[in-house]
Amino acid sequence: MNKKAAIILFTAFFLLTLAPVVLAADEAAEALPGNAGALIALGAGLCLGIAALGGSIGQGIAIKGALDGIARNPGASGKIMTPMIIGLAMIESLVIYSLVVALLLVFKI
């Protein structure tokens, strides 16, 4: 990967991570005194961004392992695909739990 692509990906990651913080900061700041609302919005945005990053890395590693296994033994593809799909669903559920926590933080329930 060249330097220009790395900078673009790095910038896109931070823009996508901080976008929910910017959008939720005004509403959260009105409800709580001082900087508490902004800090809650920042925490919610970082919670979701980090969880999505970790989930995508985990899914990539899981898919890489499954495809390596299928490439070595194509006859075992049926036995590999089912546990891989279940594992991907478990990884994605952790990201969804993070979304729920972020929404609870923003709406202060």
Protein backbone atom coordinates (compact mmCIF):
# COMPACT_ATOMS: atom_id res chain seq x y z
CA MET A 1 0.00 0.00 0.00
CA ASN A 2 1.43 3.32 -0.95
CA LYS A 3 1.55 6.38 1.25
CA LYS A 4 -1.30 8.21 -0.47
CA ALA A 5 -3.74 5.31 -0.03
CA ALA A 6 -2.75 4.92 3.61
CA ILE A 7 -3.40 8.60 4.28
CA ILE A 8 -6.78 8.43 2.54
CA LEU A 9 -7.82 5.35 4.53
CA PHE A 10 -6.59 6.89 7.79
CA THR A 11 -8.52 10.11 7.12
CA ALA A 12 -11.67 8.24 6.11
CA PHE A 13 -11.48 6.13 9.26
CA PHE A 14 -11.31 9.16 11.53
CA LEU A 15 -14.04 11.01 9.64
CA LEU A 16 -16.37 8.02 9.88
CA THR A 17 -15.48 7.47 13.53
CA LEU A 18 -16.03 11.07 14.58
CA ALA A 19 -19.14 11.76 12.46
CA PRO A 20 -21.57 10.35 15.07
CA VAL A 21 -19.84 12.43 17.74
CA VAL A 22 -20.37 15.64 15.82
CA LEU A 23 -23.98 14.82 15.01
CA ALA A 24 -24.89 13.84 18.58
CA ALA A 25 -22.88 16.50 20.42
CA ASP A 26 -25.47 19.30 20.24
CA GLU A 27 -28.38 17.26 21.57
CA ALA A 28 -26.33 15.68 24.34
CA ALA A 29 -24.80 19.01 25.36
CA GLU A 30 -28.22 20.62 25.92
CA ALA A 31 -29.40 17.96 28.38
CA LEU A 32 -26.40 17.92 30.74
CA PRO A 33 -24.46 20.74 32.39
CA GLY A 34 -20.95 21.63 31.30
CA ASN A 35 -19.01 19.34 29.00
CA ALA A 36 -20.75 16.15 30.13
CA GLY A 37 -22.97 15.94 27.04
CA ALA A 38 -20.07 16.38 24.67
CA LEU A 39 -18.03 13.77 26.52
CA ILE A 40 -20.92 11.30 26.41
CA ALA A 41 -21.28 11.86 22.66
CA LEU A 42 -17.53 11.42 22.22
CA GLY A 43 -17.63 8.19 24.22
CA ALA A 44 -20.55 6.87 22.18
CA GLY A 45 -18.85 7.65 18.90
CA LEU A 46 -15.56 6.11 19.96
CA CYS A 47 -17.38 3.06 21.35
CA LEU A 48 -19.06 2.38 18.04
CA GLY A 49 -16.03 3.20 15.92
CA ILE A 50 -13.64 0.98 17.84
CA ALA A 51 -16.15 -1.87 17.94
CA ALA A 52 -16.71 -1.65 14.18
CA LEU A 53 -12.96 -1.60 13.58
CA GLY A 54 -12.38 -4.63 15.81
CA GLY A 55 -15.32 -6.50 14.32
CA SER A 56 -14.17 -5.90 10.77
CA ILE A 57 -10.63 -7.03 11.60
CA GLY A 58 -12.01 -10.16 13.29
CA GLN A 59 -14.27 -10.94 10.35
CA GLY A 60 -11.42 -10.48 7.92
CA ILE A 61 -9.22 -12.88 9.88
CA ALA A 62 -12.05 -15.43 10.11
CA ILE A 63 -12.77 -15.29 6.39
CA LYS A 64 -9.06 -15.51 5.56
CA GLY A 65 -8.75 -18.64 7.67
CA ALA A 66 -11.81 -20.22 6.10
CA LEU A 67 -10.66 -19.46 2.57
CA ASP A 68 -7.20 -20.84 3.33
CA GLY A 69 -8.82 -24.03 4.61
CA ILE A 70 -11.03 -24.32 1.54
CA ALA A 71 -8.06 -23.68 -0.76
CA ARG A 72 -6.11 -26.51 0.88
CA ASN A 73 -9.04 -28.94 0.94
CA PRO A 74 -11.91 -27.99 -1.40
CA GLY A 75 -13.88 -31.06 -0.35
CA ALA A 76 -14.26 -29.70 3.18
CA SER A 77 -15.89 -26.45 2.10
CA GLY A 78 -19.30 -27.49 3.44
CA LYS A 79 -17.83 -28.31 6.85
CA ILE A 80 -15.91 -25.02 6.94
CA MET A 81 -18.63 -22.64 5.75
CA THR A 82 -21.23 -23.33 8.44
CA PRO A 83 -18.96 -22.66 11.44
CA MET A 84 -17.53 -19.64 9.63
CA ILE A 85 -21.00 -18.13 9.11
CA ILE A 86 -21.89 -18.77 12.77
CA GLY A 87 -18.61 -17.17 13.85
CA LEU A 88 -19.23 -14.13 11.65
CA ALA A 89 -22.69 -13.75 13.16
CA MET A 90 -21.19 -13.85 16.66
CA ILE A 91 -18.62 -11.21 15.75
CA GLU A 92 -21.30 -9.00 14.21
CA SER A 93 -23.49 -9.38 17.31
CA LEU A 94 -20.71 -7.85 19.40
CA VAL A 95 -20.71 -4.80 17.12
CA ILE A 96 -24.50 -4.57 17.44
CA TYR A 97 -24.16 -4.70 21.25
CA SER A 98 -21.74 -1.81 20.98
CA LEU A 99 -24.32 0.10 18.93
CA VAL A 100 -26.89 -0.50 21.68
CA VAL A 101 -24.45 0.77 24.33
CA ALA A 102 -23.67 3.85 22.21
CA LEU A 103 -27.37 4.59 21.77
CA LEU A 104 -27.96 4.16 25.50
CA LEU A 105 -25.17 6.63 26.19
CA VAL A 106 -26.50 9.19 23.74
CA PHE A 107 -30.12 8.92 24.88
CA LYS A 108 -29.09 8.53 28.56
CA ILE A 109 -31.30 5.57 29.42
